[in-house]
Amino acid sequence: MEEHVDILDEHGKPTGESCLKSEAHQKGLFHPTVHVWLYTKDGGILIQQRGKHKETHPSLWDVSVAGHVASGENVKTAAVREVKEEVGLTISREELEPISVFKAVHRISKDFTDAEFHHVFLCELKEPLNHLTKQDSEVDALDLVPLLRFADETWGMANTGKYVPHGTPYYKTIIKEIKERL
């Protein structure tokens, strides 16, 4: 069953309306999502390779966990739910550290515009990588990479184009915020 999402205005404020996620994408309507970046105290960052059958950015590496906020759902509740669904990790709302909200618009095709406000959180990863369980329908692989390598590959000299194009300001914010916690 397809989920409903709440519609936001161009400033990220709720309009009081909701619709099917597919309708929001078809019409390019803004809606909320969550991004959770899991990091380790020794400077590792968990990344996921998006499933090869995903409509947007298939097979590219991306944020540890991401997903849509269901209509009427609190963003932290959505983040906790998505972490459990995508990597099999149980976390609490208190472990989530909100760092920013990013407005993003990606025109995927004539009939698909991803217009989202990403509510971005950090969360310390205290479990080893081999204790995580990826959601096979959404995620092809998980990897724990050093923060310095991640920085080089997302916006530095070694930018390889293997990551979802969230933009340099987005990636710089993530890296800066994680560095401050190490």
Protein backbone atom coordinates (compact mmCIF):
# COMPACT_ATOMS: atom_id res chain seq x y z
CA MET A 1 0.00 0.00 0.00
CA GLU A 2 1.38 3.37 -1.01
CA GLU A 3 1.86 5.93 1.73
CA HIS A 4 0.36 9.40 1.97
CA VAL A 5 2.65 12.38 2.57
CA ASP A 6 1.90 15.86 3.87
CA ILE A 7 2.29 18.67 1.35
CA LEU A 8 4.55 21.61 2.23
CA ASP A 9 4.79 25.06 0.70
CA GLU A 10 8.01 26.34 -0.91
CA HIS A 11 9.24 27.42 2.55
CA GLY A 12 8.68 24.01 4.14
CA LYS A 13 5.52 24.94 6.03
CA PRO A 14 2.59 22.47 6.06
CA THR A 15 -0.29 23.39 3.74
CA GLY A 16 -2.77 21.20 5.59
CA GLU A 17 -3.11 18.93 2.56
CA SER A 18 -1.81 15.43 1.92
CA CYS A 19 -1.70 13.08 -1.06
CA LEU A 20 -0.19 9.84 -2.26
CA LYS A 21 3.60 9.94 -2.48
CA SER A 22 3.38 9.14 -6.20
CA GLU A 23 1.08 12.13 -6.76
CA ALA A 24 3.50 14.42 -4.89
CA HIS A 25 6.30 13.22 -7.18
CA GLN A 26 4.19 13.49 -10.32
CA LYS A 27 3.13 17.06 -9.52
CA GLY A 28 6.43 18.17 -7.97
CA LEU A 29 4.80 18.98 -4.60
CA PHE A 30 7.07 19.63 -1.64
CA HIS A 31 6.93 17.00 1.11
CA PRO A 32 9.10 16.06 4.11
CA THR A 33 11.77 13.37 4.22
CA VAL A 34 14.32 12.26 6.81
CA HIS A 35 18.05 11.69 6.36
CA VAL A 36 19.93 9.96 9.17
CA TRP A 37 23.72 9.90 9.02
CA LEU A 38 25.19 7.20 11.26
CA TYR A 39 28.80 7.75 12.32
CA THR A 40 31.30 6.07 14.64
CA LYS A 41 33.41 7.83 17.28
CA ASP A 42 36.56 6.71 15.43
CA GLY A 43 35.58 8.70 12.31
CA GLY A 44 33.63 6.21 10.22
CA ILE A 45 30.47 7.10 8.35
CA LEU A 46 27.87 4.56 7.25
CA ILE A 47 26.79 4.85 3.64
CA GLN A 48 24.28 2.80 1.67
CA GLN A 49 24.21 1.88 -1.96
CA ARG A 50 20.70 2.55 -3.24
CA GLY A 51 18.90 -0.39 -4.81
CA LYS A 52 19.40 -0.82 -8.54
CA HIS A 53 15.62 -0.73 -9.04
CA LYS A 54 15.04 2.59 -7.22
CA GLU A 55 13.30 5.29 -9.29
CA THR A 56 15.76 7.96 -8.16
CA HIS A 57 19.54 7.60 -8.30
CA PRO A 58 19.68 3.79 -8.58
CA SER A 59 22.96 2.15 -7.47
CA LEU A 60 24.49 5.41 -6.22
CA TRP A 61 25.89 5.66 -2.70
CA ASP A 62 23.89 7.81 -0.31
CA VAL A 63 23.03 8.81 3.23
CA SER A 64 23.05 5.99 5.83
CA VAL A 65 19.24 6.00 5.99
CA ALA A 66 16.60 8.05 4.19
CA GLY A 67 12.87 7.93 3.75
CA HIS A 68 9.58 9.74 3.47
CA VAL A 69 7.67 11.07 6.45
CA ALA A 70 4.17 9.58 6.39
CA SER A 71 1.21 11.95 6.60
CA GLY A 72 0.72 13.05 10.22
CA GLU A 73 3.98 11.41 11.33
CA ASN A 74 6.54 13.26 13.47
CA VAL A 75 9.92 13.59 11.72
CA LYS A 76 11.86 11.97 14.58
CA THR A 77 9.40 9.07 14.65
CA ALA A 78 9.89 8.68 10.89
CA ALA A 79 13.67 8.72 11.33
CA VAL A 80 13.56 5.99 14.02
CA ARG A 81 11.23 3.91 11.80
CA GLU A 82 13.43 4.28 8.72
CA VAL A 83 16.61 3.33 10.62
CA LYS A 84 14.91 0.13 11.77
CA GLU A 85 13.53 -0.65 8.29
CA GLU A 86 16.64 0.09 6.23
CA VAL A 87 19.51 -1.13 8.43
CA GLY A 88 17.78 -3.17 11.16
CA LEU A 89 19.01 -0.94 13.98
CA THR A 90 16.82 0.08 16.91
CA ILE A 91 17.51 3.63 18.09
CA SER A 92 15.63 6.07 20.28
CA ARG A 93 14.38 9.53 19.35
CA GLU A 94 16.80 10.94 21.96
CA GLU A 95 19.79 9.56 20.03
CA LEU A 96 18.90 11.65 16.97
CA GLU A 97 20.70 14.98 16.71
CA PRO A 98 18.93 17.36 14.30
CA ILE A 99 21.45 19.36 12.29
CA SER A 100 19.57 21.05 9.46
CA VAL A 101 16.70 21.00 6.98
CA PHE A 102 17.67 21.11 3.30
CA LYS A 103 15.37 22.02 0.45
CA ALA A 104 16.00 19.82 -2.58
CA VAL A 105 14.40 19.61 -6.01
CA HIS A 106 15.45 16.90 -8.48
CA ARG A 107 13.63 16.61 -11.78
CA ILE A 108 13.97 12.92 -12.56
CA SER A 109 11.74 12.86 -15.66
CA LYS A 110 8.88 14.75 -17.27
CA ASP A 111 6.44 13.10 -14.84
CA PHE A 112 8.65 12.85 -11.74
CA THR A 113 9.97 15.77 -9.73
CA ASP A 114 11.35 15.00 -6.29
CA ALA A 115 10.63 18.19 -4.28
CA GLU A 116 11.58 17.55 -0.69
CA PHE A 117 12.62 19.11 2.57
CA HIS A 118 15.24 16.76 4.05
CA HIS A 119 15.21 16.78 7.87
CA VAL A 120 18.81 15.78 8.55
CA PHE A 121 19.93 14.01 11.71
CA LEU A 122 23.15 12.55 13.05
CA CYS A 123 23.23 9.46 15.23
CA GLU A 124 26.22 7.67 16.69
CA LEU A 125 26.56 4.11 15.39
CA LYS A 126 27.50 1.87 18.31
CA GLU A 127 27.03 -1.49 16.57
CA PRO A 128 29.57 -3.09 14.22
CA LEU A 129 28.74 -3.08 10.52
CA ASN A 130 28.20 -6.86 10.47
CA HIS A 131 25.37 -6.50 13.03
CA LEU A 132 23.30 -4.37 10.63
CA THR A 133 20.68 -5.89 8.35
CA LYS A 134 20.02 -4.06 5.10
CA GLN A 135 16.54 -3.84 3.63
CA ASP A 136 17.02 -5.83 0.43
CA SER A 137 14.17 -4.12 -1.44
CA GLU A 138 15.72 -0.66 -0.91
CA VAL A 139 19.44 -1.12 -0.26
CA ASP A 140 22.04 -3.05 -2.30
CA ALA A 141 24.97 -2.62 0.11
CA LEU A 142 26.20 -0.94 3.28
CA ASP A 143 29.72 0.31 3.91
CA LEU A 144 31.56 2.10 6.70
CA VAL A 145 34.07 4.54 5.23
CA PRO A 146 36.55 6.95 6.83
CA LEU A 147 35.20 10.49 7.06
CA LEU A 148 38.23 11.94 5.21
CA ARG A 149 37.70 9.61 2.25
CA PHE A 150 33.99 10.43 2.25
CA ALA A 151 34.81 14.16 2.18
CA ASP A 152 37.22 13.70 -0.75
CA GLU A 153 34.74 11.60 -2.69
CA THR A 154 31.70 13.85 -2.18
CA TRP A 155 33.11 17.32 -2.73
CA GLY A 156 36.91 17.15 -2.68
CA MET A 157 39.54 16.41 -5.30
CA ALA A 158 38.53 12.74 -5.61
CA ASN A 159 34.86 13.47 -6.39
CA THR A 160 33.93 10.35 -8.31
CA GLY A 161 30.25 10.95 -9.05
CA LYS A 162 29.38 7.75 -7.21
CA TYR A 163 27.20 9.56 -4.65
CA VAL A 164 23.69 10.97 -4.91
CA PRO A 165 24.15 14.64 -5.96
CA HIS A 166 22.93 16.38 -2.81
CA GLY A 167 25.31 19.28 -3.47
CA THR A 168 28.48 20.58 -1.88
CA PRO A 169 26.80 22.67 0.89
CA TYR A 170 24.86 19.58 2.02
CA TYR A 171 27.90 17.31 2.15
CA LYS A 172 30.10 19.98 3.79
CA THR A 173 27.49 20.42 6.53
CA ILE A 174 27.36 16.68 7.23
CA ILE A 175 31.15 16.37 7.38
CA LYS A 176 31.58 19.47 9.57
CA GLU A 177 28.89 18.33 12.02
CA ILE A 178 30.35 14.83 12.33
CA LYS A 179 33.89 16.18 12.79
CA GLU A 180 32.67 18.32 15.70
CA ARG A 181 31.48 15.16 17.48
CA LEU A 182 34.71 13.16 17.14
